[in-house]
Amino acid sequence: MNLYIEAQTKGDASVLPLATGLGYVENMERVDIAGGLVNTPLEIDHHRSLLDESTCQTFTEVIVTNPEKPYVLGTRMRVNHDKIAEIEILWTTTGYWLFNAENYLKYSSTEDWGPIPAEHRDSRGTLVAAANAYLDAFLEGKIDQVPWGFPCVRIEGGMYTGRGSPSDSCEVGVPSGVNIANRRFVVDEVIGSVVVYCTFGAGGPNGGSGAPDTHLFRVENGKLRYVHTLTHLLQANFRGAAQGGGGQGGGGGQGGGAQGSR
C-alpha cells in the first residue's frame, strides 16, 4: 500500500512489483496503463487503506485537492505471489456526482478509522452483511434491516450528512427502486471496514445508470459508523436535479442526503 502511494505520487507505476499480464482497469473499463491515472503524478493530501488478507487485496482511498485537477479515488489491488496482478481505480473529479474534494478532505481526515481492539472486532461475515443490508435497501426500501449506528455520517462525493449530533444517521437520503449490482468486496476486520465496488443499477431500462460506484463502510459493534461513496457519473447526466451539493466550488456541505437513483 505504501508502494502504491509512492507510485501514485510520482505518477510512475514502474516502482510497483507488477505481474506479467497485469489487469488494469479504470471506472470498470480496461485502460492502457501507460496512459492511466496511476501514471499521472498526484499531490495526495490524505489517504487510508484496507488490507484484506483473506483475498490478498488492498483498497486505498486517495484525496487530492489540487485546484488544477482535484480527485477523490479508490484503488483496489490484488496480489498474487508477491506480484500485483490487478489494479482497479475508480476516480471522480470536477463535474462528477456531488464532487467536492475539499469537503471530502475536511470531513474524512477527522474521522477515526483506527484499529479496533481484537475482542471487539466484527467478523468478515458481519461486515459484508452490513454492507449488503445497506445496499439492498436501495432496491426494496427495507431500511429496518440495516444495522444503523448512531451517530453515523456519510460523505457522498463531498456532500456530508452529519450535523454534529449524537443522533446523526446514515439513513437520510437512501432511495428505493435502485438495484445496486455487480458487487465485489474488500474487507479489513482489523479496522472494521469493507468497501464494495458496484454499479448503480445494471444500466438497462428503468434499472439505473449502471454508473461505477464504491461504498466504503466503517462498522463498530455491528453497527454502521461511517459511509463514504464515490460515483463515476457526470452530474449533468443525472436523471434529475442535483440535490445538496455541487462541483468543486459547489456547496456540498452539511445537510441531508442525496443518494438518488443515479
Protein backbone atom coordinates (compact mmCIF):
# COMPACT_ATOMS: atom_id res chain seq x y z
CA MET A 1 0.00 0.00 0.00
CA ASN A 2 2.87 2.35 0.76
CA LEU A 3 4.40 1.48 -2.60
CA TYR A 4 1.15 2.38 -4.31
CA ILE A 5 1.11 5.81 -2.64
CA GLU A 6 4.71 6.31 -3.75
CA ALA A 7 3.84 5.28 -7.30
CA GLN A 8 0.73 7.45 -7.44
CA THR A 9 2.57 10.47 -6.04
CA LYS A 10 5.32 10.10 -8.64
CA GLY A 11 2.99 9.06 -11.43
CA ASP A 12 5.24 6.08 -12.06
CA ALA A 13 3.78 2.57 -11.88
CA SER A 14 7.20 1.06 -12.57
CA VAL A 15 8.03 1.26 -8.86
CA LEU A 16 5.36 -1.38 -8.25
CA PRO A 17 6.04 -5.14 -8.46
CA LEU A 18 3.69 -5.77 -11.36
CA ALA A 19 2.82 -9.26 -12.53
CA THR A 20 3.10 -10.32 -16.15
CA GLY A 21 -0.32 -9.91 -17.71
CA LEU A 22 -1.40 -7.27 -15.20
CA GLY A 23 -5.07 -6.33 -15.35
CA TYR A 24 -5.51 -2.54 -15.25
CA VAL A 25 -9.00 -1.05 -15.02
CA GLU A 26 -10.39 2.45 -14.50
CA ASN A 27 -14.07 3.01 -13.77
CA MET A 28 -14.76 -0.62 -14.66
CA GLU A 29 -13.27 -0.38 -18.14
CA ARG A 30 -9.95 -1.72 -19.38
CA VAL A 31 -7.39 1.02 -19.89
CA ASP A 32 -3.81 1.05 -21.19
CA ILE A 33 -1.76 1.54 -18.03
CA ALA A 34 0.75 3.67 -19.93
CA GLY A 35 -1.82 6.45 -20.14
CA GLY A 36 -3.63 5.53 -16.95
CA LEU A 37 -4.19 7.61 -13.83
CA VAL A 38 -1.66 5.52 -11.92
CA ASN A 39 0.98 7.02 -14.21
CA THR A 40 -0.21 10.56 -13.51
CA PRO A 41 1.53 12.31 -10.59
CA LEU A 42 -0.92 13.43 -7.90
CA GLU A 43 -0.38 15.70 -4.91
CA ILE A 44 -2.03 13.49 -2.30
CA ASP A 45 -3.50 15.28 0.71
CA HIS A 46 -4.91 12.28 2.54
CA HIS A 47 -5.23 8.53 2.13
CA ARG A 48 -6.41 5.50 4.07
CA SER A 49 -6.13 1.81 3.24
CA LEU A 50 -7.78 -1.54 3.84
CA LEU A 51 -5.88 -4.83 3.82
CA ASP A 52 -7.84 -7.99 3.02
CA GLU A 53 -5.56 -10.84 3.99
CA SER A 54 -8.13 -13.50 3.08
CA THR A 55 -8.25 -12.49 -0.58
CA CYS A 56 -4.84 -10.79 -0.93
CA GLN A 57 -6.43 -7.48 -1.84
CA THR A 58 -5.94 -3.88 -0.77
CA PHE A 59 -8.06 -0.76 -1.12
CA THR A 60 -6.81 2.81 -0.80
CA GLU A 61 -8.92 5.94 -0.66
CA VAL A 62 -7.00 8.93 -2.04
CA ILE A 63 -7.93 12.61 -1.77
CA VAL A 64 -6.30 15.29 -3.95
CA THR A 65 -7.40 18.92 -3.51
CA ASN A 66 -5.06 20.47 -6.09
CA PRO A 67 -7.41 23.04 -7.69
CA GLU A 68 -5.90 22.45 -11.13
CA LYS A 69 -7.01 18.82 -11.08
CA PRO A 70 -8.69 17.63 -7.89
CA TYR A 71 -9.55 13.96 -7.43
CA VAL A 72 -11.07 11.57 -4.97
CA LEU A 73 -10.37 8.00 -5.97
CA GLY A 74 -10.47 4.45 -4.70
CA THR A 75 -7.80 1.98 -5.78
CA ARG A 76 -8.12 -1.78 -5.42
CA MET A 77 -5.12 -4.05 -5.92
CA ARG A 78 -4.92 -7.84 -5.89
CA VAL A 79 -1.63 -9.54 -5.13
CA ASN A 80 -0.64 -12.94 -6.49
CA HIS A 81 2.58 -14.45 -5.09
CA ASP A 82 4.13 -11.07 -4.20
CA LYS A 83 3.22 -9.52 -7.55
CA ILE A 84 0.36 -7.12 -8.23
CA ALA A 85 -1.98 -8.93 -10.62
CA GLU A 86 -4.80 -6.36 -10.73
CA ILE A 87 -5.10 -2.61 -10.30
CA GLU A 88 -8.58 -1.12 -10.39
CA ILE A 89 -9.15 2.61 -9.92
CA LEU A 90 -12.48 4.35 -9.60
CA TRP A 91 -11.96 8.10 -9.79
CA THR A 92 -14.08 11.22 -9.51
CA THR A 93 -13.20 14.82 -10.28
CA THR A 94 -14.82 18.18 -11.00
CA GLY A 95 -18.24 17.77 -12.59
CA TYR A 96 -18.89 14.30 -11.17
CA TRP A 97 -21.58 13.31 -8.69
CA LEU A 98 -21.61 15.84 -5.79
CA PHE A 99 -17.85 16.20 -6.15
CA ASN A 100 -16.04 18.43 -3.68
CA ALA A 101 -12.53 17.26 -2.79
CA GLU A 102 -12.01 19.95 -0.17
CA ASN A 103 -15.12 18.88 1.73
CA TYR A 104 -14.12 15.24 1.35
CA LEU A 105 -10.75 16.02 2.90
CA LYS A 106 -12.24 18.19 5.64
CA TYR A 107 -14.59 15.53 6.92
CA SER A 108 -12.72 12.32 6.08
CA SER A 109 -9.50 13.42 7.74
CA THR A 110 -11.21 13.98 11.10
CA GLU A 111 -12.76 10.50 11.31
CA ASP A 112 -11.35 7.66 13.40
CA TRP A 113 -10.72 4.59 11.24
CA GLY A 114 -8.09 3.18 13.57
CA PRO A 115 -7.67 -0.47 14.57
CA ILE A 116 -10.47 -1.95 16.66
CA PRO A 117 -9.39 -3.95 19.74
CA ALA A 118 -9.34 -7.65 18.88
CA GLU A 119 -12.03 -8.54 21.41
CA HIS A 120 -14.44 -6.04 19.82
CA ARG A 121 -13.85 -6.76 16.14
CA ASP A 122 -16.70 -7.87 13.94
CA SER A 123 -16.28 -10.91 11.73
CA ARG A 124 -15.82 -10.76 7.98
CA GLY A 125 -19.35 -12.09 7.59
CA THR A 126 -20.79 -9.37 9.80
CA LEU A 127 -19.02 -6.64 7.83
CA VAL A 128 -20.17 -7.96 4.46
CA ALA A 129 -23.71 -8.45 5.78
CA ALA A 130 -23.82 -4.84 7.00
CA ALA A 131 -22.70 -3.56 3.60
CA ASN A 132 -25.18 -5.77 1.76
CA ALA A 133 -28.06 -4.75 4.03
CA TYR A 134 -27.35 -1.08 3.31
CA LEU A 135 -27.13 -1.60 -0.45
CA ASP A 136 -30.10 -3.99 -0.52
CA ALA A 137 -32.24 -1.22 0.99
CA PHE A 138 -31.79 0.77 -2.23
CA LEU A 139 -33.96 -1.72 -4.12
CA GLU A 140 -36.71 -2.69 -1.70
CA GLY A 141 -36.57 0.23 0.70
CA LYS A 142 -36.33 -2.13 3.69
CA ILE A 143 -34.28 0.22 5.83
CA ASP A 144 -35.33 -1.52 9.04
CA GLN A 145 -32.98 -4.40 8.15
CA VAL A 146 -29.91 -2.14 8.01
CA PRO A 147 -27.69 -2.11 11.16
CA TRP A 148 -27.85 1.65 11.62
CA GLY A 149 -25.49 3.11 14.15
CA PHE A 150 -25.85 6.42 15.96
CA PRO A 151 -24.14 8.62 15.23
CA CYS A 152 -23.43 7.64 11.62
CA VAL A 153 -22.32 10.07 8.92
CA ARG A 154 -21.95 9.75 5.16
CA ILE A 155 -19.63 11.55 2.77
CA GLU A 156 -21.08 11.33 -0.72
CA GLY A 157 -18.76 12.75 -3.33
CA GLY A 158 -18.11 15.63 -0.99
CA MET A 159 -21.54 16.23 0.47
CA TYR A 160 -21.72 15.49 4.21
CA THR A 161 -24.80 14.33 6.10
CA GLY A 162 -23.54 14.96 9.63
CA ARG A 163 -24.67 17.82 11.84
CA GLY A 164 -22.51 17.05 14.85
CA SER A 165 -25.38 15.43 16.72
CA PRO A 166 -25.38 12.08 18.58
CA SER A 167 -28.48 11.26 16.54
CA ASP A 168 -26.79 11.73 13.15
CA SER A 169 -27.95 8.94 10.84
CA CYS A 170 -26.77 7.49 7.53
CA GLU A 171 -30.39 6.60 6.81
CA VAL A 172 -31.09 10.03 5.37
CA GLY A 173 -31.38 10.14 1.60
CA VAL A 174 -31.37 6.39 0.94
CA PRO A 175 -33.52 5.82 -2.19
CA SER A 176 -35.64 2.86 -3.22
CA GLY A 177 -36.15 1.09 -6.51
CA VAL A 178 -32.44 1.01 -7.40
CA ASN A 179 -30.63 -2.29 -7.87
CA ILE A 180 -27.03 -1.99 -6.65
CA ALA A 181 -25.45 -4.63 -8.87
CA ASN A 182 -22.10 -6.29 -9.63
CA ARG A 183 -20.84 -6.19 -6.05
CA ARG A 184 -17.25 -7.04 -5.14
CA PHE A 185 -15.78 -6.73 -1.66
CA VAL A 186 -12.53 -5.87 0.07
CA VAL A 187 -12.70 -6.48 3.82
CA ASP A 188 -10.42 -5.45 6.68
CA GLU A 189 -11.59 -6.83 10.02
CA VAL A 190 -8.81 -5.04 11.94
CA ILE A 191 -10.28 -1.62 11.20
CA GLY A 192 -13.87 -2.83 10.90
CA SER A 193 -14.14 -1.81 7.28
CA VAL A 194 -15.48 -3.11 3.99
CA VAL A 195 -15.55 -1.47 0.58
CA VAL A 196 -17.93 -2.54 -2.16
CA TYR A 197 -17.23 -1.99 -5.85
CA CYS A 198 -20.62 -1.97 -7.55
CA THR A 199 -22.84 -0.30 -10.15
CA PHE A 200 -25.90 1.89 -9.68
CA GLY A 201 -28.25 -0.46 -11.43
CA ALA A 202 -27.34 -2.67 -14.34
CA GLY A 203 -27.73 0.08 -16.92
CA GLY A 204 -30.89 -1.31 -18.50
CA PRO A 205 -34.25 0.43 -18.98
CA ASN A 206 -35.53 1.69 -15.61
CA GLY A 207 -32.60 -0.06 -13.99
CA GLY A 208 -30.38 2.85 -13.06
CA SER A 209 -27.47 4.34 -14.95
CA GLY A 210 -25.07 1.48 -14.33
CA ALA A 211 -22.59 4.07 -13.08
CA PRO A 212 -19.45 2.62 -11.42
CA ASP A 213 -19.53 3.20 -7.68
CA THR A 214 -17.75 2.41 -4.44
CA HIS A 215 -19.29 2.32 -0.99
CA LEU A 216 -16.80 2.24 1.88
CA PHE A 217 -18.12 1.38 5.36
CA ARG A 218 -16.75 1.53 8.89
CA VAL A 219 -18.65 -0.79 11.24
CA GLU A 220 -18.36 -0.66 15.04
CA ASN A 221 -20.01 -3.28 17.26
CA GLY A 222 -22.02 -4.48 14.29
CA LYS A 223 -23.41 -1.02 13.51
CA LEU A 224 -22.63 1.44 10.71
CA ARG A 225 -20.45 4.36 11.81
CA TYR A 226 -19.11 5.92 8.59
CA VAL A 227 -20.11 5.60 4.94
CA HIS A 228 -18.05 7.03 2.06
CA THR A 229 -19.34 6.91 -1.50
CA LEU A 230 -17.81 7.69 -4.90
CA THR A 231 -19.82 7.52 -8.11
CA HIS A 232 -18.25 7.90 -11.56
CA LEU A 233 -21.19 9.77 -13.03
CA LEU A 234 -21.15 13.24 -14.53
CA GLN A 235 -23.54 15.48 -12.61
CA ALA A 236 -25.01 16.68 -15.91
CA ASN A 237 -26.01 13.11 -16.79
CA PHE A 238 -28.02 12.56 -13.62
CA ARG A 239 -31.71 11.91 -14.29
CA GLY A 240 -32.92 14.83 -12.19
CA ALA A 241 -31.74 17.90 -10.38
CA ALA A 242 -28.66 17.77 -8.18
CA GLN A 243 -29.51 17.71 -4.51
CA GLY A 244 -27.45 19.23 -1.77
CA GLY A 245 -24.08 19.50 -3.46
CA GLY A 246 -22.21 20.60 -6.47
CA GLY A 247 -18.88 20.65 -8.17
CA GLN A 248 -15.55 21.65 -6.73
CA GLY A 249 -16.83 25.11 -5.96
CA GLY A 250 -20.33 23.98 -5.02
CA GLY A 251 -21.98 23.80 -1.64
CA GLY A 252 -21.69 20.13 -0.86
CA GLY A 253 -21.69 20.84 2.85
CA GLN A 254 -23.62 19.54 5.78
CA GLY A 255 -27.20 18.61 5.20
CA GLY A 256 -29.50 15.89 4.04
CA GLY A 257 -28.52 13.02 1.82
CA ALA A 258 -28.77 12.86 -1.92
CA GLN A 259 -28.40 9.21 -2.85
CA GLY A 260 -30.89 9.37 -5.68
CA SER A 261 -31.48 6.77 -8.39
CA ARG A 262 -28.38 7.66 -10.33
